Amino acid sequence: MAAKKAYLAIDMGASSGRHVIGTFEGQKLALEEVYRFENGPVEVGGSLFWDLLSQWSHVKNGMRAAATKMNGAITSVGVDTWGVDFALLGRDDTLLGNPYQYRDARTDGMMDYAFSLVPREEIFQHTGLQFLQFNSLFQMLAMKKQRSPILEQAESFLMIPDIFHWLMTGVKVNEFTEATTSQMFNPTTGSWATALLSKFGLPTDILQTLAMPMTNLGKLRASVMEETGLKTTDVVLPATHDTGSAVAAVPAKSVAGKTPDWAYVSLGTWALMGVESPVPVVNPTVSRLNFTNEGGVDGTYRILKNICGLWLIQECRRVWNLGGKQWDWEDLNKLTREAASLVSFINPDARDFLGPTNMPEAIIAYCKRTGQTAPDSEGAVLRCALDSIAMKFRHVLEMCEQITGQRIEVIHIVGGGTKNRLLCQAAANATGRHVVTGPIEATGIGNIAVQMVASGEFKDIAEAREVIRNSFPVEEFIPQNVSAWNDAYTRFLKVQ
């Protein structure tokens, strides 16, 4: 009997990263985490950066752990990360500094500046993307406006997962799903939006060839194999944008060529909510609702909206623990359960919450400014944030139904945020829909599933999703107290 194949997903989020080995026994997919590390921005001179060299050390450490576990026999490896951020290479592939982190303040005001050069609607027609100030387009524009010497010397543009795949193989490409987050990609033509970039005076010769998920970039560099102990491992592109990988693992049935009657939420620091479509949707409704067209697997598009997710909760915990508390996540859940629900609301996506120094104070100030009862305890602050995220899900769900022209029956929530069962129940209550949660490690699972399709273990993503349904537990949440949530929704809309 042939030895079972093992695949390595390197799933790097904005706050942590993990290396997960996946194997398939013929009926179920099995996962084993072999390495985990902390991740986050580094402040230098008032700017926020990613510590790329430290990240690369962690990537290699995790590959070494996988090699030890599997005696070097890993069939393929692929990296997924967050979107929008990038690094630039200069002459002779010299890395031109550490990449900026998307929350860096240099993009403040860049959208308005961009609109003064090219009308907003024209940008949307070229890119079909949600307008967020940290999109790669506005980051690049900020560098040009500030006459960045790094941009002037750049010869290659690589987004974060592209950088790691280049470090592994020496091959430079821009993977499709990640590229679609940049607001520099044209989903209608399926190519870089070079005409738009030229209007901004941004360089287009630094952009690389686009590569689709399941592309095999070849073997690891000899030096990487020697350092990590991996032997003849291929580097295969997953959906390198982590939401693309997460949606690939949604355990739902889909019909090829049709928009499904389910929506997804990839829930973590951010909540990415939308529908899967066989084609991009670039029309006035999508523009007005500020939705985005991001690439998925099998040539699909994710018509979605970015929502501020558990960032609100994470930042509250950070501030309180810096002040002397030692609260873990269950402590926060207890405080939330004990607080009254549906008292006050915020707009989770307001600029107030993008990067405040004190999140609890920002939430309280927002409630006061909008004439509501201000939270008067830690639990009340948490309940306000949680209820508001759930109400935002309802708001975005209604927008999804406007775009698709059909009722959405089920919401699938995947990712680490599904551990917050209070929020999952609140989502069901707010939307009046059945919510199905799981798998928790959706991003790593989707990454591995795409590698398995590339190697021939699954014939397509539909078969992979069927295996995922049979391999990992899910939980269903039924709407409760819907009338109270319906009444409160009107109040929520008034403070947006």
Foldseek 3Di string as FASTA:
>chain_A
DDDWAKAWEWEQEQFKIWIKIWTDPPFFIDIDTQAMGTFHWDDDPQFTFGPLVVVLVRVLVRLLSVCVVVVQRHAAYAAAYAAQKWWFAFPPRHTDDTIGDLLTCLLVVLVVVLCVQPNPLVLCQQQVAFDDSSANLSVQLSCVVVVPVRQVRGQAIEGDRQVSVCQFAVDGAHEQQRVSRRSQAGQVVRGGSVVSCVSSVHDDNRHHHYDYFLDWPAFTDPVSCVSRVRDGYIYGYFSRHLVQLLVLQQLDFDDPQDWDLEWEWAADQKTKIFTKHQGRDRDPLLVVVSWHWGAHHPNITTTTDIFRHCVLVVLQVVVVVVVPDDDDPVNLLVLQVPDDALQFEARRPDPLRSDDPHSLVSQQVLCVVLPGDGDDDSNSSSRRHLLHRLLVLQVRQVSNCVRNVDHRAEYEYEEQVVVSVVSQLSNCLLNVHKYKYDDHPSSSLSRVLSNCCSVPVDVDSSRSSNSSVVHGDMDIHGHDPNVVSVVSSVVSVSSD
